[in-house]
Protein backbone atom coordinates (compact mmCIF):
# COMPACT_ATOMS: atom_id res chain seq x y z
CA UNK A 1 13.94 -127.74 -63.88
CA UNK A 2 12.74 -128.36 -60.33
CA UNK A 3 14.38 -125.16 -59.12
CA UNK A 4 12.61 -123.11 -61.79
CA UNK A 5 9.23 -124.62 -60.91
CA UNK A 6 9.87 -124.00 -57.21
CA UNK A 7 10.88 -120.40 -57.90
CA UNK A 8 7.78 -119.80 -60.02
CA UNK A 9 5.55 -121.26 -57.31
CA UNK A 10 7.25 -119.09 -54.71
CA UNK A 11 6.77 -115.95 -56.81
CA UNK A 12 3.13 -116.79 -57.46
CA UNK A 13 2.51 -117.33 -53.75
CA UNK A 14 4.15 -114.00 -52.99
CA UNK A 15 2.03 -112.09 -55.51
CA UNK A 16 -1.17 -113.80 -54.34
CA UNK A 17 -0.29 -112.85 -50.78
CA UNK A 18 0.02 -109.21 -51.81
CA UNK A 19 -3.30 -109.34 -53.68
CA UNK A 20 -4.99 -110.94 -50.66
CA UNK A 21 -3.67 -108.15 -48.44
CA UNK A 22 -5.16 -105.55 -50.77
CA UNK A 23 -8.45 -107.46 -50.83
CA UNK A 24 -8.66 -107.49 -47.02
CA UNK A 25 -7.82 -103.80 -46.84
CA UNK A 26 -10.35 -102.95 -49.53
CA UNK A 27 -13.04 -105.09 -47.94
CA UNK A 28 -12.52 -103.41 -44.59
CA UNK A 29 -12.64 -99.94 -46.09
CA UNK A 30 -15.70 -100.80 -48.17
CA UNK A 31 -17.47 -102.27 -45.15
CA UNK A 32 -16.74 -99.17 -43.11
CA UNK A 33 -17.81 -96.82 -45.89
CA UNK A 34 -20.95 -98.70 -46.98
CA UNK A 35 -24.29 -98.05 -45.43
CA UNK A 36 -25.88 -101.37 -46.39
CA UNK A 37 -23.30 -103.74 -44.86
CA UNK A 38 -23.38 -105.92 -47.96
CA UNK A 39 -27.04 -106.73 -47.31
CA UNK A 40 -26.40 -108.53 -44.01
CA UNK A 41 -28.72 -107.23 -41.31
CA UNK A 42 -26.62 -108.65 -38.46
CA UNK A 43 -23.77 -106.27 -39.31
CA UNK A 44 -25.22 -103.09 -37.91
CA UNK A 45 -23.63 -100.34 -35.90
CA UNK A 46 -20.59 -101.12 -33.78
CA UNK A 47 -20.28 -104.72 -34.98
CA UNK A 48 -19.88 -103.54 -38.57
CA UNK A 49 -17.16 -101.08 -37.62
CA UNK A 50 -15.38 -103.64 -35.44
CA UNK A 51 -15.34 -106.14 -38.31
CA UNK A 52 -14.14 -103.43 -40.70
CA UNK A 53 -11.28 -102.47 -38.38
CA UNK A 54 -10.37 -106.13 -37.95
CA UNK A 55 -10.24 -106.61 -41.73
CA UNK A 56 -8.09 -103.51 -42.15
CA UNK A 57 -5.66 -104.61 -39.43
CA UNK A 58 -5.40 -108.11 -40.87
CA UNK A 59 -4.90 -106.72 -44.37
CA UNK A 60 -2.16 -104.42 -43.10
CA UNK A 61 -0.48 -107.35 -41.35
CA UNK A 62 -0.59 -109.47 -44.50
CA UNK A 63 0.70 -106.53 -46.54
CA UNK A 64 3.57 -106.03 -44.12
CA UNK A 65 4.48 -109.73 -44.36
CA UNK A 66 4.30 -109.59 -48.17
CA UNK A 67 6.62 -106.57 -48.23
CA UNK A 68 9.08 -108.42 -45.98
CA UNK A 69 9.06 -111.40 -48.33
CA UNK A 70 9.55 -109.11 -51.35
CA UNK A 71 12.62 -107.62 -49.71
CA UNK A 72 14.04 -111.06 -48.89
CA UNK A 73 14.06 -112.06 -52.53
């Protein structure tokens, strides 16, 4: 029974990792495409685009890691 619980927890972690990667990618794309910067005045111009690129890169990295873990199982 412990193995089944461990396997379920591992699968859940894997799927949440994939969802988080999509959320980071989507947030970066939305930040880049939006004109209001989610209502935060500090995020204007180059800073907004830099943060958007950073989110996209981090989301891609997490997605790559999730794909690797999918292939391992």
